[in-house]
């Protein structure tokens, strides 16, 4: 069992991305972009993004929603993907080039400190970023700072509360205990999804809307093994921090994989919260671009 003392001895790393930047994680993120495409598209359609708007996707990874935003803002608009990991930036730039997204650029910056001009963006968006980085509040503060008066701040976040399998499995419970301790010890809140609404309210956003999403992943679904994949990604870190011995970890992982491979096992997703609100100021019926354009050279330099 992981003790409170073990958790307290971990030193939060402000540069940490919970799931790392391995080849497998980059591949998973690309697959995730396709799996979540329709959910993100529906949120953007509810928000109402006008042609000519300026949009940012914070923590875009190798793809994010860059193509979805590109389509919605149109040739007169501009989309900027912000990503801290250099390898992911390169992957995102290849994605943009392959799709010929002429209104999209990608920059290597921290989502909590983008150095992009204040109040310059019509839509500031982040998907599954806050649940994977320390100091989620700092990212939200940056999102608010970037949005122009009347602009929209939008989040698609996870909350691990309902994430489960049935029949119950001892290995699932044990591994989640370890994963939760590892996350908390590194300053990451696996239940941040429920807090996004509160953070937006405290930041002064208006007209806030909340759209919850939950799934049951059937046998063969690409996200059915997501918990097992997460644990594979952080295996070395967990073992290095002494949160579980390698023989027990390997045994639990084998049990978990076998259980998830059974067609009669029910796998329930995280609870996802799509939350968006408007920064006080100029009112409009949707996200609209202003007459001026964002200075690309100022952002990219």
Protein backbone atom coordinates (compact mmCIF):
# COMPACT_ATOMS: atom_id res chain seq x y z
CA UNK A 1 0.00 0.00 0.00
CA UNK A 2 1.20 3.53 -0.78
CA UNK A 3 1.65 5.51 2.41
CA UNK A 4 1.00 9.21 3.04
CA UNK A 5 4.69 9.57 3.86
CA UNK A 6 5.66 8.24 0.42
CA UNK A 7 3.30 10.70 -1.26
CA UNK A 8 4.72 13.62 0.73
CA UNK A 9 8.30 12.78 -0.24
CA UNK A 10 7.58 13.33 -3.93
CA UNK A 11 8.71 16.71 -5.23
CA UNK A 12 6.26 18.26 -7.73
CA UNK A 13 7.92 19.02 -11.04
CA UNK A 14 6.45 22.15 -12.68
CA UNK A 15 7.68 20.91 -16.07
CA UNK A 16 5.92 17.56 -15.74
CA UNK A 17 3.38 16.32 -18.24
CA UNK A 18 1.69 13.43 -16.45
CA UNK A 19 1.83 10.89 -19.29
CA UNK A 20 5.22 11.78 -20.74
CA UNK A 21 6.22 12.27 -24.38
CA UNK A 22 7.10 8.79 -25.56
CA UNK A 23 6.43 7.54 -29.08
CA UNK A 24 3.49 5.50 -27.77
CA UNK A 25 2.02 8.57 -26.06
CA UNK A 26 2.35 10.69 -29.20
CA UNK A 27 0.59 7.94 -31.18
CA UNK A 28 -2.13 7.72 -28.53
CA UNK A 29 -2.69 11.48 -28.67
CA UNK A 30 -3.14 11.36 -32.44
CA UNK A 31 -5.66 8.56 -32.06
CA UNK A 32 -7.39 10.49 -29.28
CA UNK A 33 -7.76 13.53 -31.55
CA UNK A 34 -9.81 11.42 -33.95
CA UNK A 35 -11.81 9.71 -31.18
CA UNK A 36 -12.80 13.05 -29.62
CA UNK A 37 -13.28 14.87 -32.92
CA UNK A 38 -17.07 14.86 -32.92
CA UNK A 39 -17.34 15.90 -29.27
CA UNK A 40 -15.05 18.88 -29.84
CA UNK A 41 -16.81 19.77 -33.09
CA UNK A 42 -20.17 19.84 -31.34
CA UNK A 43 -18.80 22.11 -28.60
CA UNK A 44 -17.37 24.54 -31.14
CA UNK A 45 -20.70 24.55 -32.99
CA UNK A 46 -22.51 25.37 -29.73
CA UNK A 47 -20.10 28.20 -29.03
CA UNK A 48 -20.49 29.60 -32.52
CA UNK A 49 -17.09 30.51 -33.96
CA UNK A 50 -17.37 33.17 -36.63
CA UNK A 51 -15.20 33.41 -39.72
CA UNK A 52 -12.21 35.66 -39.22
CA UNK A 53 -11.86 34.79 -35.53
CA UNK A 54 -8.54 34.29 -33.78
CA UNK A 55 -8.26 31.04 -31.82
CA UNK A 56 -5.65 29.30 -29.68
CA UNK A 57 -5.39 25.61 -28.76
CA UNK A 58 -3.28 25.39 -25.60
CA UNK A 59 -1.38 22.14 -25.11
CA UNK A 60 -2.21 21.04 -28.63
CA UNK A 61 0.24 18.12 -28.61
CA UNK A 62 0.85 16.55 -32.04
CA UNK A 63 -2.57 17.53 -33.42
CA UNK A 64 -5.18 18.68 -30.92
CA UNK A 65 -8.10 20.50 -32.54
CA UNK A 66 -6.04 22.59 -34.94
CA UNK A 67 -7.88 21.37 -38.03
CA UNK A 68 -11.31 21.84 -36.45
CA UNK A 69 -10.50 25.42 -35.50
CA UNK A 70 -8.90 26.11 -38.89
CA UNK A 71 -12.08 25.11 -40.67
CA UNK A 72 -14.25 27.28 -38.43
CA UNK A 73 -12.24 30.50 -38.48
CA UNK A 74 -11.76 30.30 -42.25
CA UNK A 75 -9.02 31.81 -44.45
CA UNK A 76 -9.41 35.25 -42.85
CA UNK A 77 -8.96 33.85 -39.35
CA UNK A 78 -5.94 32.58 -37.50
CA UNK A 79 -5.27 29.57 -35.27
CA UNK A 80 -2.23 29.14 -33.03
CA UNK A 81 -1.29 25.83 -31.44
CA UNK A 82 0.72 26.21 -28.23
CA UNK A 83 2.81 23.24 -27.08
CA UNK A 84 5.74 22.97 -24.64
CA UNK A 85 7.32 19.72 -25.87
CA UNK A 86 9.62 20.27 -28.85
CA UNK A 87 8.93 16.85 -30.36
CA UNK A 88 5.18 17.44 -30.20
CA UNK A 89 5.63 20.86 -31.81
CA UNK A 90 7.44 19.20 -34.72
CA UNK A 91 4.65 16.61 -35.06
CA UNK A 92 2.01 19.35 -35.00
CA UNK A 93 3.88 21.33 -37.65
CA UNK A 94 3.95 18.21 -39.87
CA UNK A 95 0.22 17.75 -39.30
CA UNK A 96 -0.44 21.37 -40.29
CA UNK A 97 1.71 21.01 -43.42
CA UNK A 98 0.15 17.68 -44.43
CA UNK A 99 -3.36 19.13 -44.07
CA UNK A 100 -2.31 22.40 -45.79
CA UNK A 101 -3.76 24.48 -42.95
CA UNK A 102 -2.51 27.86 -44.12
CA UNK A 103 -4.19 29.76 -41.29
CA UNK A 104 -2.52 27.69 -38.54
CA UNK A 105 0.85 28.13 -36.83
CA UNK A 106 2.41 26.20 -33.95
CA UNK A 107 4.69 27.70 -31.30
CA UNK A 108 6.81 26.17 -28.54
CA UNK A 109 5.59 27.79 -25.33
CA UNK A 110 4.34 26.90 -21.86
CA UNK A 111 0.53 26.98 -21.67
CA UNK A 112 0.77 28.91 -18.39
CA UNK A 113 3.13 31.54 -19.82
CA UNK A 114 2.63 31.97 -23.56
CA UNK A 115 4.02 35.52 -23.88
CA UNK A 116 1.18 36.18 -26.35
CA UNK A 117 -0.32 39.70 -26.10
CA UNK A 118 -3.05 40.11 -23.50
CA UNK A 119 -6.71 40.26 -24.54
CA UNK A 120 -5.89 39.40 -28.17
CA UNK A 121 -7.76 36.12 -28.76
CA UNK A 122 -11.40 35.45 -29.65
CA UNK A 123 -11.41 31.79 -28.54
CA UNK A 124 -8.97 30.28 -26.03
CA UNK A 125 -9.30 26.50 -25.85
CA UNK A 126 -7.64 23.63 -23.97
CA UNK A 127 -8.57 19.93 -24.09
CA UNK A 128 -7.40 17.39 -21.48
CA UNK A 129 -4.55 19.70 -20.48
CA UNK A 130 -5.44 20.65 -16.90
CA UNK A 131 -5.70 17.00 -15.81
CA UNK A 132 -2.16 16.34 -17.03
CA UNK A 133 -0.12 19.26 -15.70
CA UNK A 134 0.67 20.73 -12.27
CA UNK A 135 -0.75 24.12 -11.29
CA UNK A 136 -3.93 23.95 -13.38
CA UNK A 137 -4.97 27.30 -11.92
CA UNK A 138 -2.01 28.99 -13.63
CA UNK A 139 -3.14 27.68 -17.01
CA UNK A 140 -6.69 28.94 -16.41
CA UNK A 141 -5.32 32.37 -15.45
CA UNK A 142 -3.38 32.46 -18.72
CA UNK A 143 -6.50 31.45 -20.66
CA UNK A 144 -8.42 34.35 -19.12
CA UNK A 145 -5.54 36.76 -19.77
CA UNK A 146 -5.39 35.84 -23.45
CA UNK A 147 -9.12 36.21 -24.16
CA UNK A 148 -10.30 39.55 -25.45
CA UNK A 149 -13.31 41.27 -23.82
CA UNK A 150 -16.31 39.40 -25.19
CA UNK A 151 -14.14 36.45 -26.19
CA UNK A 152 -14.73 32.85 -25.12
CA UNK A 153 -12.64 30.59 -22.90
CA UNK A 154 -13.42 26.88 -23.46
CA UNK A 155 -12.24 23.72 -21.71
CA UNK A 156 -12.75 19.99 -22.30
CA UNK A 157 -11.52 18.27 -19.14
CA UNK A 158 -11.60 14.89 -17.43
CA UNK A 159 -12.61 13.84 -13.94
CA UNK A 160 -11.66 10.32 -12.85
CA UNK A 161 -14.59 9.89 -10.44
CA UNK A 162 -16.69 7.41 -12.51
CA UNK A 163 -13.77 5.69 -14.27
CA UNK A 164 -14.31 2.01 -13.43
CA UNK A 165 -14.70 -1.53 -14.64
CA UNK A 166 -17.26 -4.17 -13.76
CA UNK A 167 -16.89 -6.86 -12.54
CA UNK A 168 -14.58 -5.10 -10.07
CA UNK A 169 -10.90 -6.07 -10.18
CA UNK A 170 -8.39 -5.95 -7.35
CA UNK A 171 -5.60 -5.09 -9.78
CA UNK A 172 -7.58 -2.07 -11.12
CA UNK A 173 -8.09 -0.74 -7.58
CA UNK A 174 -4.45 -1.28 -6.61
CA UNK A 175 -3.09 0.36 -9.75
CA UNK A 176 -5.44 3.31 -9.45
CA UNK A 177 -4.27 3.82 -5.87
CA UNK A 178 -0.69 3.98 -7.15
CA UNK A 179 -1.59 6.20 -10.12
CA UNK A 180 -3.52 8.63 -7.94
CA UNK A 181 -0.64 8.87 -5.44
CA UNK A 182 1.87 9.40 -8.23
CA UNK A 183 -0.31 12.14 -9.74
CA UNK A 184 -1.01 13.95 -6.46
CA UNK A 185 2.66 13.76 -5.46
CA UNK A 186 3.54 15.54 -8.69
CA UNK A 187 0.93 18.26 -8.20
CA UNK A 188 -1.65 16.85 -10.61
CA UNK A 189 -5.37 16.69 -9.80
CA UNK A 190 -7.09 13.73 -11.48
CA UNK A 191 -10.45 15.23 -10.48
CA UNK A 192 -9.90 18.71 -11.89
CA UNK A 193 -12.81 18.36 -14.32
CA UNK A 194 -15.39 19.23 -11.67
CA UNK A 195 -13.39 22.32 -10.66
CA UNK A 196 -13.28 23.99 -14.08
CA UNK A 197 -16.72 25.55 -13.64
CA UNK A 198 -15.66 26.99 -10.27
CA UNK A 199 -12.36 28.27 -11.65
CA UNK A 200 -14.17 29.99 -14.53
CA UNK A 201 -16.69 31.54 -12.12
CA UNK A 202 -13.94 32.79 -9.83
CA UNK A 203 -12.15 34.28 -12.84
CA UNK A 204 -15.23 36.34 -13.64
CA UNK A 205 -16.38 34.65 -16.84
CA UNK A 206 -20.04 35.16 -17.74
CA UNK A 207 -22.67 33.05 -19.51
CA UNK A 208 -20.89 29.86 -18.43
CA UNK A 209 -22.23 26.61 -19.88
CA UNK A 210 -21.41 23.08 -18.75
CA UNK A 211 -21.86 19.98 -20.88
CA UNK A 212 -20.99 16.65 -19.19
CA UNK A 213 -20.05 13.57 -21.25
CA UNK A 214 -19.57 9.96 -20.19
CA UNK A 215 -19.12 6.75 -22.19
CA UNK A 216 -19.10 3.00 -21.83
CA UNK A 217 -16.28 1.64 -23.99
CA UNK A 218 -17.33 -1.61 -25.69
CA UNK A 219 -14.97 -4.46 -26.53
CA UNK A 220 -12.70 -3.34 -29.36
CA UNK A 221 -13.08 0.39 -28.70
CA UNK A 222 -9.84 2.35 -28.98
CA UNK A 223 -10.20 3.92 -25.53
CA UNK A 224 -11.12 0.74 -23.66
CA UNK A 225 -7.46 0.15 -22.69
CA UNK A 226 -6.72 3.78 -21.84
CA UNK A 227 -6.02 3.21 -18.13
CA UNK A 228 -3.64 0.37 -18.97
CA UNK A 229 -1.95 2.62 -21.56
CA UNK A 230 -1.57 5.45 -19.04
CA UNK A 231 0.12 3.10 -16.59
CA UNK A 232 2.47 1.82 -19.29
CA UNK A 233 3.47 5.43 -20.03
CA UNK A 234 4.39 6.22 -16.42
CA UNK A 235 5.73 2.77 -15.48
CA UNK A 236 9.36 3.85 -15.09
CA UNK A 237 8.49 6.93 -13.04
CA UNK A 238 6.24 4.97 -10.69
CA UNK A 239 8.88 2.32 -10.10
CA UNK A 240 11.65 4.90 -9.66
CA UNK A 241 9.60 6.66 -7.00
CA UNK A 242 9.08 3.40 -5.15
CA UNK A 243 5.29 3.55 -5.21
CA UNK A 244 5.03 -0.16 -6.02
CA UNK A 245 7.50 -3.00 -6.50
CA UNK A 246 8.14 -4.14 -10.08
CA UNK A 247 6.91 -7.75 -9.58
CA UNK A 248 3.59 -6.56 -8.14
CA UNK A 249 3.22 -3.90 -10.84
CA UNK A 250 3.79 -6.42 -13.63
CA UNK A 251 1.38 -8.89 -12.08
CA UNK A 252 -1.35 -6.28 -11.68
CA UNK A 253 -0.83 -5.01 -15.22
CA UNK A 254 -1.19 -8.52 -16.64
CA UNK A 255 -4.40 -9.04 -14.64
CA UNK A 256 -5.75 -5.70 -15.79
CA UNK A 257 -5.02 -6.36 -19.47
CA UNK A 258 -6.65 -9.80 -19.31
CA UNK A 259 -9.73 -8.35 -17.60
CA UNK A 260 -10.11 -5.55 -20.16
CA UNK A 261 -9.74 -8.01 -23.03
CA UNK A 262 -12.82 -9.93 -21.87
CA UNK A 263 -15.91 -9.00 -23.92
CA UNK A 264 -18.17 -9.20 -20.84
CA UNK A 265 -16.19 -6.61 -18.82
CA UNK A 266 -17.88 -3.20 -18.61
CA UNK A 267 -15.48 -0.24 -18.89
CA UNK A 268 -16.81 3.22 -18.01
CA UNK A 269 -14.94 6.33 -19.12
CA UNK A 270 -13.91 9.33 -17.10
CA UNK A 271 -16.53 12.01 -16.68
CA UNK A 272 -15.69 14.73 -19.18
CA UNK A 273 -16.73 18.34 -18.65
CA UNK A 274 -16.99 20.72 -21.57
CA UNK A 275 -17.16 24.16 -20.00
CA UNK A 276 -17.11 27.53 -21.72
CA UNK A 277 -17.81 31.12 -20.77
CA UNK A 278 -17.41 34.67 -22.03
CA UNK A 279 -14.96 37.24 -20.74
CA UNK A 280 -16.84 40.37 -19.65
CA UNK A 281 -16.72 43.23 -22.10
CA UNK A 282 -18.00 43.63 -25.63
CA UNK A 283 -21.06 41.47 -26.26
CA UNK A 284 -21.70 39.45 -29.40
CA UNK A 285 -23.85 36.57 -30.53
CA UNK A 286 -20.86 34.34 -31.08
CA UNK A 287 -17.09 34.39 -31.12
CA UNK A 288 -16.22 37.06 -33.65
CA UNK A 289 -13.02 38.44 -35.03
CA UNK A 290 -12.21 42.12 -34.78
CA UNK A 291 -11.10 44.28 -37.67
CA UNK A 292 -7.48 44.05 -36.59
CA UNK A 293 -5.46 40.87 -37.06
CA UNK A 294 -3.17 39.13 -34.64
CA UNK A 295 0.50 39.91 -35.21
CA UNK A 296 1.94 36.53 -36.14
CA UNK A 297 5.53 37.75 -35.99
CA UNK A 298 5.00 39.05 -32.46
CA UNK A 299 3.63 35.72 -31.31
CA UNK A 300 6.12 33.43 -33.00
CA UNK A 301 9.27 35.44 -32.28
